[in-house]
Amino acid sequence: MKKILGVSGIRSDYDLMSVLYRRLAEDPQIDFKLLVGGAHMSKTYGYSVDLIRADNIPILGAIESLIDGDSNSARLKSASIMLQSAVDLVAGWKPDLILYAGDREEVWIGALLGNYLEIPTIHFYGGDHTASWHIDNPVRHAVSKLSTFHVVTTEEHRRRLLALGEPDWRIRVLGSLALDNFVAAAPPGAVQTPESFGMPLNIGEYALVLFHPDPSEYAVAGAICRNVLLEVKAAGLGACVGHPNTDPANRSIIATFGEFKDEPRFFFYRNVGRIQFISLYKNARFIIGNSSSGILEAASIPIPAINVGLRQRGRLAGVNVIFCDPDRDSIRQAIGKAMDPGFRSLISDMVNPYGDGRSCDRAYELIISTDFSKIAQKAEDPLTR
């Protein structure tokens, strides 16, 4: 029986992989477990380990690693705690393969575990890149060099890995696995009662607001978020507002949320169930903020996605994505475009450049049909490729 380990430290990376993880966990020929830490174990960030348990995913270890601070050093210390705590667990279980996704610190934890414990690894979502400086870029590319194999979303991402010196036979373009949730989950209008979410009964038409701090905007993150919420209100819309991730400056964003806590048509949440979240998403007029979800997933509905500020700039984006500056005038103009019937008609039959919502089947077949131990040793010399 093949033993496979996934590594996850926050809800965002788990959601990228959850359909595949559930598929592997249900396979009687595979012993699949998840190594969980970081924000999953923090009540401040919604204790999302409960969502993993609700998916019936076996957990190898649940590590309380998150230092609840609002600084770069706290993030690095948290990662070091998770790595140190994981070594004996993983070495003792001896998986045949380790999976990890994205560009947060959990990917280099998984990559280091794989390399030093001599376990093959697959990195999902490598080869991406943003124009604004963010630690995610070098982390993502460094982990690609540490990984045995790569499952990437687009042809552009494959070319970037080739430019980094990775051989083509170590790369497979399969599309974004996250989109499978949107294809499989409830259609627009389903499971949509305000009571089921704790939403205001009179929320009416609303925007989905997801805003996370970017290093180049740490000092003004709260102010940008305030501008977004003020303009959503000025447009006569309600707002469903998700809490930020664990990056530094998240506290200033949360403090800004407190300024709007008495708005009768604003709903703030830390975590909701997957079907509920996708229902919220599919019934929103648009998504606004700077979450990668606006780049990756909004096109599968489709709804407009307004990206405010520098985060996500430079990434491949569909015609539904509207990039704008963080001042109120720019945000107001972007909201006007997102609400414009002509623009909404333009995107109504768009194709998502990140995939068709059937990527998990491809990834699953790749995993069960490939002996990654045969290619675990990366002996390639970039000078002789």
Protein backbone atom coordinates (compact mmCIF):
# COMPACT_ATOMS: atom_id res chain seq x y z
CA MET A 1 0.00 0.00 0.00
CA LYS A 2 1.39 3.40 -1.01
CA LYS A 3 1.66 5.87 1.88
CA ILE A 4 1.15 9.52 0.90
CA LEU A 5 1.49 12.58 3.12
CA GLY A 6 0.04 16.03 2.47
CA VAL A 7 1.32 19.13 4.27
CA SER A 8 -1.03 22.02 5.13
CA GLY A 9 -0.71 25.06 7.36
CA ILE A 10 -3.66 27.28 6.45
CA ARG A 11 -7.11 26.98 4.96
CA SER A 12 -6.08 28.59 1.67
CA ASP A 13 -3.55 25.88 0.78
CA TYR A 14 -5.92 23.14 1.97
CA ASP A 15 -8.71 24.43 -0.28
CA LEU A 16 -6.35 24.32 -3.25
CA MET A 17 -5.93 20.58 -2.71
CA SER A 18 -9.00 19.40 -0.82
CA VAL A 19 -10.70 17.53 -3.69
CA LEU A 20 -7.53 15.55 -4.40
CA TYR A 21 -6.92 14.90 -0.70
CA ARG A 22 -10.44 13.54 -0.27
CA ARG A 23 -10.02 11.34 -3.34
CA LEU A 24 -6.75 9.90 -2.00
CA ALA A 25 -8.21 9.39 1.47
CA GLU A 26 -11.13 7.41 0.01
CA ASP A 27 -8.89 5.07 -2.00
CA PRO A 28 -8.53 1.74 -0.12
CA GLN A 29 -5.23 1.13 -1.91
CA ILE A 30 -3.66 4.31 -0.52
CA ASP A 31 -2.81 5.21 3.05
CA PHE A 32 -3.21 8.98 2.95
CA LYS A 33 -2.63 11.30 5.89
CA LEU A 34 -2.24 15.04 6.39
CA LEU A 35 0.34 16.90 8.45
CA VAL A 36 -1.48 19.92 9.87
CA GLY A 37 -0.12 23.01 11.62
CA GLY A 38 0.00 26.80 11.52
CA ALA A 39 -3.29 28.69 11.27
CA HIS A 40 -5.31 25.45 11.14
CA MET A 41 -4.71 25.05 14.88
CA SER A 42 -5.43 28.67 15.85
CA LYS A 43 -8.83 29.81 17.11
CA THR A 44 -7.82 33.36 16.11
CA TYR A 45 -7.95 32.24 12.48
CA GLY A 46 -10.99 30.00 12.73
CA TYR A 47 -9.50 26.65 13.86
CA SER A 48 -9.85 25.27 10.34
CA VAL A 49 -8.55 21.84 11.37
CA ASP A 50 -12.25 21.16 12.05
CA LEU A 51 -12.94 21.50 8.33
CA ILE A 52 -10.26 18.89 7.59
CA ARG A 53 -11.80 16.51 10.11
CA ALA A 54 -15.24 17.12 8.60
CA ASP A 55 -13.76 15.96 5.26
CA ASN A 56 -12.72 12.70 6.98
CA ILE A 57 -9.04 13.26 6.18
CA PRO A 58 -6.78 11.21 8.50
CA ILE A 59 -4.28 13.44 10.32
CA LEU A 60 -0.76 12.19 10.99
CA GLY A 61 -0.08 15.07 13.35
CA ALA A 62 -1.80 18.30 14.39
CA ILE A 63 1.00 20.66 15.38
CA GLU A 64 0.35 23.82 17.38
CA SER A 65 3.04 25.89 15.73
CA LEU A 66 1.57 29.34 15.13
CA ILE A 67 3.05 32.22 17.13
CA ASP A 68 0.15 34.65 17.24
CA GLY A 69 2.22 37.72 16.42
CA ASP A 70 1.96 40.35 13.72
CA SER A 71 5.55 40.37 12.44
CA ASN A 72 7.88 38.75 9.92
CA SER A 73 9.88 37.11 12.70
CA ALA A 74 6.74 35.50 14.16
CA ARG A 75 5.97 33.94 10.79
CA LEU A 76 9.48 32.50 10.47
CA LYS A 77 9.53 31.23 14.06
CA SER A 78 6.16 29.54 13.51
CA ALA A 79 7.50 27.73 10.46
CA SER A 80 10.57 26.56 12.35
CA ILE A 81 8.36 25.13 15.12
CA MET A 82 6.28 23.20 12.60
CA LEU A 83 9.38 21.83 10.86
CA GLN A 84 11.07 20.74 14.08
CA SER A 85 7.88 19.15 15.39
CA ALA A 86 7.25 17.30 12.12
CA VAL A 87 10.63 15.61 11.60
CA ASP A 88 10.17 12.65 13.96
CA LEU A 89 6.52 12.19 12.96
CA VAL A 90 7.34 11.97 9.27
CA ALA A 91 10.54 9.96 9.73
CA GLY A 92 8.63 7.47 11.86
CA TRP A 93 5.75 7.04 9.44
CA LYS A 94 8.02 6.86 6.35
CA PRO A 95 5.63 7.96 3.59
CA ASP A 96 6.37 7.08 -0.02
CA LEU A 97 5.43 10.55 -1.28
CA ILE A 98 4.90 14.04 0.12
CA LEU A 99 2.51 16.58 -1.45
CA TYR A 100 2.39 20.33 -0.84
CA ALA A 101 0.86 23.30 -2.62
CA GLY A 102 1.57 26.95 -3.26
CA ASP A 103 4.07 29.39 -1.89
CA ARG A 104 3.71 29.74 1.87
CA GLU A 105 6.23 28.46 4.39
CA GLU A 106 4.61 25.02 4.58
CA VAL A 107 5.94 24.19 1.11
CA TRP A 108 9.57 24.54 2.13
CA ILE A 109 8.79 22.51 5.26
CA GLY A 110 7.48 19.72 3.02
CA ALA A 111 10.40 20.07 0.61
CA LEU A 112 13.02 19.93 3.36
CA LEU A 113 11.34 16.90 4.93
CA GLY A 114 11.37 15.17 1.56
CA ASN A 115 14.97 15.96 0.70
CA TYR A 116 16.59 15.19 4.02
CA LEU A 117 14.45 12.13 4.76
CA GLU A 118 14.88 10.94 1.13
CA ILE A 119 11.19 10.92 0.28
CA PRO A 120 9.94 11.93 -3.22
CA THR A 121 7.84 15.09 -3.34
CA ILE A 122 5.36 16.83 -5.63
CA HIS A 123 5.01 20.61 -5.59
CA PHE A 124 1.64 21.87 -6.85
CA TYR A 125 1.18 25.43 -8.21
CA GLY A 126 4.85 26.14 -8.88
CA GLY A 127 6.03 28.38 -11.71
CA ASP A 128 3.68 31.25 -10.86
CA HIS A 129 5.02 34.76 -10.32
CA THR A 130 3.75 38.20 -9.31
CA ALA A 131 5.17 41.56 -10.35
CA SER A 132 5.13 43.04 -6.86
CA TRP A 133 7.83 41.97 -4.44
CA HIS A 134 6.60 39.29 -2.08
CA ILE A 135 8.41 36.54 -0.18
CA ASP A 136 6.05 34.11 -1.93
CA ASN A 137 7.98 34.50 -5.21
CA PRO A 138 11.43 33.35 -4.02
CA VAL A 139 9.89 30.73 -1.73
CA ARG A 140 7.87 29.29 -4.60
CA HIS A 141 10.84 29.15 -6.97
CA ALA A 142 13.28 27.80 -4.36
CA VAL A 143 10.86 25.03 -3.42
CA SER A 144 10.54 24.09 -7.09
CA LYS A 145 14.27 23.40 -7.13
CA LEU A 146 13.87 21.25 -4.00
CA SER A 147 10.95 19.22 -5.37
CA THR A 148 10.97 15.89 -7.22
CA PHE A 149 8.05 16.66 -9.51
CA HIS A 150 5.81 19.58 -10.42
CA VAL A 151 2.09 19.81 -11.14
CA VAL A 152 1.52 23.27 -12.59
CA THR A 153 -1.57 25.15 -13.64
CA THR A 154 -0.68 26.75 -16.98
CA GLU A 155 1.76 26.52 -19.84
CA GLU A 156 3.29 29.82 -18.69
CA HIS A 157 4.12 28.23 -15.36
CA ARG A 158 5.76 25.27 -17.12
CA ARG A 159 7.96 27.65 -19.14
CA ARG A 160 9.02 29.46 -15.99
CA LEU A 161 10.13 26.20 -14.38
CA LEU A 162 12.05 25.35 -17.54
CA ALA A 163 13.79 28.72 -17.25
CA LEU A 164 14.72 27.80 -13.66
CA GLY A 165 16.48 24.73 -15.00
CA GLU A 166 13.88 22.06 -14.26
CA PRO A 167 13.70 19.35 -16.95
CA ASP A 168 10.46 19.09 -18.89
CA TRP A 169 9.90 15.46 -17.88
CA ARG A 170 9.55 16.53 -14.24
CA ILE A 171 6.64 18.87 -15.06
CA ARG A 172 2.97 18.23 -15.84
CA VAL A 173 0.42 20.93 -16.75
CA LEU A 174 -2.93 19.89 -15.25
CA GLY A 175 -4.81 23.12 -14.50
CA SER A 176 -5.84 24.43 -11.08
CA LEU A 177 -7.16 21.73 -8.75
CA ALA A 178 -9.01 24.40 -6.76
CA LEU A 179 -11.50 24.83 -9.59
CA ASP A 180 -12.82 21.30 -9.09
CA ASN A 181 -14.57 22.53 -5.93
CA PHE A 182 -16.45 25.13 -7.97
CA VAL A 183 -17.60 22.60 -10.54
CA ALA A 184 -18.67 20.01 -7.96
CA ALA A 185 -20.26 22.32 -5.40
CA ALA A 186 -23.68 23.92 -5.20
CA PRO A 187 -24.89 25.89 -8.24
CA PRO A 188 -25.88 29.58 -8.03
CA GLY A 189 -28.89 30.05 -5.80
CA ALA A 190 -28.39 26.81 -3.84
CA VAL A 191 -27.98 26.71 -0.05
CA GLN A 192 -28.49 30.47 -0.01
CA THR A 193 -30.49 31.53 3.01
CA PRO A 194 -29.10 34.29 5.21
CA GLU A 195 -29.92 32.29 8.33
CA SER A 196 -27.68 29.41 7.23
CA PHE A 197 -24.64 31.67 7.18
CA GLY A 198 -25.43 34.01 10.04
CA MET A 199 -25.75 36.75 7.41
CA PRO A 200 -27.99 39.77 7.89
CA LEU A 201 -31.48 39.01 6.63
CA ASN A 202 -31.53 42.25 4.65
CA ILE A 203 -28.05 41.97 3.11
CA GLY A 204 -29.47 42.14 -0.42
CA GLU A 205 -26.92 42.36 -3.24
CA TYR A 206 -23.41 42.13 -1.85
CA ALA A 207 -19.71 42.04 -2.69
CA LEU A 208 -17.39 39.30 -1.44
CA VAL A 209 -14.42 41.06 0.17
CA LEU A 210 -11.12 39.17 0.61
CA PHE A 211 -8.12 41.34 1.41
CA HIS A 212 -4.70 40.19 2.58
CA PRO A 213 -1.57 42.21 3.45
CA ASP A 214 1.20 42.60 0.86
CA PRO A 215 4.76 43.46 2.04
CA SER A 216 4.90 46.60 -0.07
CA GLU A 217 1.63 47.77 1.52
CA TYR A 218 2.01 46.67 5.15
CA ALA A 219 2.02 50.24 6.45
CA VAL A 220 -1.20 51.15 4.65
CA ALA A 221 -3.04 47.78 4.58
CA GLY A 222 -5.70 48.94 7.03
CA ALA A 223 -6.28 52.16 5.10
CA ILE A 224 -6.66 50.30 1.79
CA CYS A 225 -9.14 47.90 3.34
CA ARG A 226 -11.08 50.88 4.74
CA ASN A 227 -11.26 52.42 1.25
CA VAL A 228 -12.64 49.16 -0.14
CA LEU A 229 -15.36 48.87 2.49
CA LEU A 230 -16.34 52.52 2.21
CA GLU A 231 -16.74 52.26 -1.56
CA VAL A 232 -18.71 49.01 -1.35
CA LYS A 233 -21.09 50.75 1.06
CA ALA A 234 -21.26 53.85 -1.16
CA ALA A 235 -22.27 51.63 -4.08
CA GLY A 236 -25.34 50.54 -2.09
CA LEU A 237 -24.09 47.00 -1.62
CA GLY A 238 -23.79 44.70 1.33
CA ALA A 239 -20.49 42.98 2.07
CA CYS A 240 -19.43 39.47 3.05
CA VAL A 241 -15.93 40.00 4.44
CA GLY A 242 -13.42 37.23 5.10
CA HIS A 243 -10.70 37.67 7.71
CA PRO A 244 -7.11 37.98 6.42
CA ASN A 245 -4.42 35.32 6.55
CA THR A 246 -1.58 35.21 9.09
CA ASP A 247 0.85 37.51 7.25
CA PRO A 248 2.25 40.56 9.07
CA ALA A 249 -0.11 43.59 9.13
CA ASN A 250 -3.18 41.40 9.39
CA ARG A 251 -3.99 43.09 12.71
CA SER A 252 -4.46 46.48 11.07
CA ILE A 253 -6.94 44.93 8.63
CA ILE A 254 -8.86 43.26 11.45
CA ALA A 255 -8.89 46.56 13.35
CA THR A 256 -10.41 48.22 10.28
CA PHE A 257 -13.15 45.59 10.24
CA GLY A 258 -14.03 46.72 13.75
CA GLU A 259 -14.89 50.18 12.41
CA PHE A 260 -17.68 48.62 10.33
CA LYS A 261 -18.99 46.06 12.80
CA ASP A 262 -22.29 47.92 13.20
CA GLU A 263 -23.00 48.20 9.48
CA PRO A 264 -26.36 46.39 9.13
CA ARG A 265 -25.53 44.88 5.72
CA PHE A 266 -21.95 43.81 6.46
CA PHE A 267 -21.13 40.23 7.46
CA PHE A 268 -17.66 39.35 8.81
CA TYR A 269 -16.52 35.75 9.09
CA ARG A 270 -13.40 33.76 10.02
CA ASN A 271 -14.46 30.43 8.54
CA VAL A 272 -17.54 29.01 6.85
CA GLY A 273 -18.03 25.54 5.40
CA ARG A 274 -16.89 24.89 1.84
CA ILE A 275 -20.37 24.59 0.30
CA GLN A 276 -21.47 27.70 2.16
CA PHE A 277 -18.41 29.65 0.99
CA ILE A 278 -18.87 28.66 -2.64
CA SER A 279 -22.54 29.55 -2.41
CA LEU A 280 -21.56 32.94 -0.98
CA TYR A 281 -19.09 33.31 -3.84
CA LYS A 282 -21.49 32.31 -6.61
CA ASN A 283 -24.19 34.69 -5.39
CA ALA A 284 -21.93 37.73 -4.93
CA ARG A 285 -22.11 40.57 -7.44
CA PHE A 286 -18.31 40.56 -7.58
CA ILE A 287 -15.25 39.75 -5.51
CA ILE A 288 -13.05 42.65 -4.39
CA GLY A 289 -9.75 42.82 -2.52
CA ASN A 290 -6.50 41.14 -3.50
CA SER A 291 -6.97 37.42 -2.93
CA SER A 292 -5.56 34.96 -5.45
CA SER A 293 -9.08 33.53 -5.52
CA GLY A 294 -10.12 36.49 -7.66
CA ILE A 295 -7.44 35.59 -10.19
CA LEU A 296 -7.93 31.82 -10.12
CA GLU A 297 -11.51 31.00 -9.29
CA ALA A 298 -13.87 33.90 -10.02
CA ALA A 299 -13.68 33.17 -13.75
CA SER A 300 -15.24 29.75 -13.20
CA ILE A 301 -18.55 31.27 -12.07
CA PRO A 302 -17.99 33.82 -13.74
CA ILE A 303 -18.15 37.07 -11.77
CA PRO A 304 -16.02 40.21 -11.94
CA ALA A 305 -12.93 40.26 -9.73
CA ILE A 306 -11.56 43.63 -8.60
CA ASN A 307 -7.92 43.45 -7.52
CA VAL A 308 -6.95 46.43 -5.39
CA GLY A 309 -3.32 47.52 -5.00
CA LEU A 310 -0.11 45.72 -5.88
CA ARG A 311 -0.78 42.14 -4.80
CA GLN A 312 -1.39 39.72 -7.72
CA ARG A 313 -0.10 42.16 -10.36
CA GLY A 314 1.76 40.45 -13.18
CA ARG A 315 -0.13 37.15 -12.94
CA LEU A 316 -2.07 35.66 -15.80
CA ALA A 317 -5.64 36.94 -15.45
CA GLY A 318 -8.92 36.44 -17.26
CA VAL A 319 -10.99 39.22 -18.80
CA ASN A 320 -13.12 39.32 -15.64
CA VAL A 321 -10.24 40.73 -13.54
CA ILE A 322 -10.14 44.50 -13.01
CA PHE A 323 -6.88 45.85 -11.56
CA CYS A 324 -7.12 49.18 -9.76
CA ASP A 325 -5.10 51.44 -7.48
CA PRO A 326 -5.97 51.55 -3.77
CA ASP A 327 -7.38 55.10 -3.63
CA ARG A 328 -11.13 55.59 -3.33
CA ASP A 329 -11.60 57.14 -6.79
CA SER A 330 -9.91 54.17 -8.48
CA ILE A 331 -11.89 51.67 -6.42
CA ARG A 332 -15.12 53.52 -7.20
CA GLN A 333 -14.41 53.38 -10.95
CA ALA A 334 -13.57 49.66 -10.72
CA ILE A 335 -16.83 48.91 -8.90
CA GLY A 336 -18.71 50.87 -11.57
CA LYS A 337 -17.10 48.72 -14.26
CA ALA A 338 -17.86 45.50 -12.38
CA MET A 339 -21.53 46.51 -12.10
CA ASP A 340 -21.82 47.62 -15.72
CA PRO A 341 -24.21 45.35 -17.67
CA GLY A 342 -22.01 45.52 -20.76
CA PHE A 343 -18.95 44.28 -18.88
CA ARG A 344 -20.93 41.54 -17.19
CA SER A 345 -22.26 40.42 -20.55
CA LEU A 346 -18.71 40.39 -21.93
CA ILE A 347 -17.52 37.91 -19.31
CA SER A 348 -20.67 35.76 -19.18
CA ASP A 349 -19.28 33.02 -21.43
CA MET A 350 -15.57 33.42 -20.71
CA VAL A 351 -13.18 30.48 -20.38
CA ASN A 352 -11.10 30.30 -17.23
CA PRO A 353 -7.42 30.32 -18.27
CA TYR A 354 -6.56 28.26 -15.17
CA GLY A 355 -8.50 25.12 -16.02
CA ASP A 356 -11.75 23.30 -16.61
CA GLY A 357 -12.56 21.99 -13.11
CA ARG A 358 -11.43 18.43 -13.83
CA SER A 359 -7.80 18.66 -12.75
CA CYS A 360 -8.03 16.40 -9.70
CA ASP A 361 -8.81 13.33 -11.81
CA ARG A 362 -5.64 13.99 -13.80
CA ALA A 363 -3.55 14.52 -10.67
CA TYR A 364 -4.93 11.39 -9.06
CA GLU A 365 -4.14 9.25 -12.11
CA LEU A 366 -0.63 10.71 -12.22
CA ILE A 367 -0.02 9.86 -8.56
CA ILE A 368 -1.31 6.29 -8.63
CA SER A 369 0.40 5.43 -11.93
CA THR A 370 3.88 6.89 -11.29
CA ASP A 371 6.73 5.45 -9.25
CA PHE A 372 8.30 8.71 -8.07
CA SER A 373 11.03 6.85 -6.18
CA LYS A 374 12.69 6.19 -9.55
CA ILE A 375 13.17 9.92 -10.15
CA ALA A 376 13.72 11.09 -6.56
CA GLN A 377 17.44 11.77 -7.01
CA LYS A 378 17.85 15.10 -8.84
CA ALA A 379 21.25 14.65 -10.42
CA GLU A 380 20.66 17.00 -13.36
CA ASP A 381 23.32 19.64 -13.95
CA PRO A 382 21.76 22.93 -15.18
CA LEU A 383 24.90 23.60 -17.24
CA THR A 384 24.44 20.46 -19.31
CA ARG A 385 20.69 20.41 -19.90
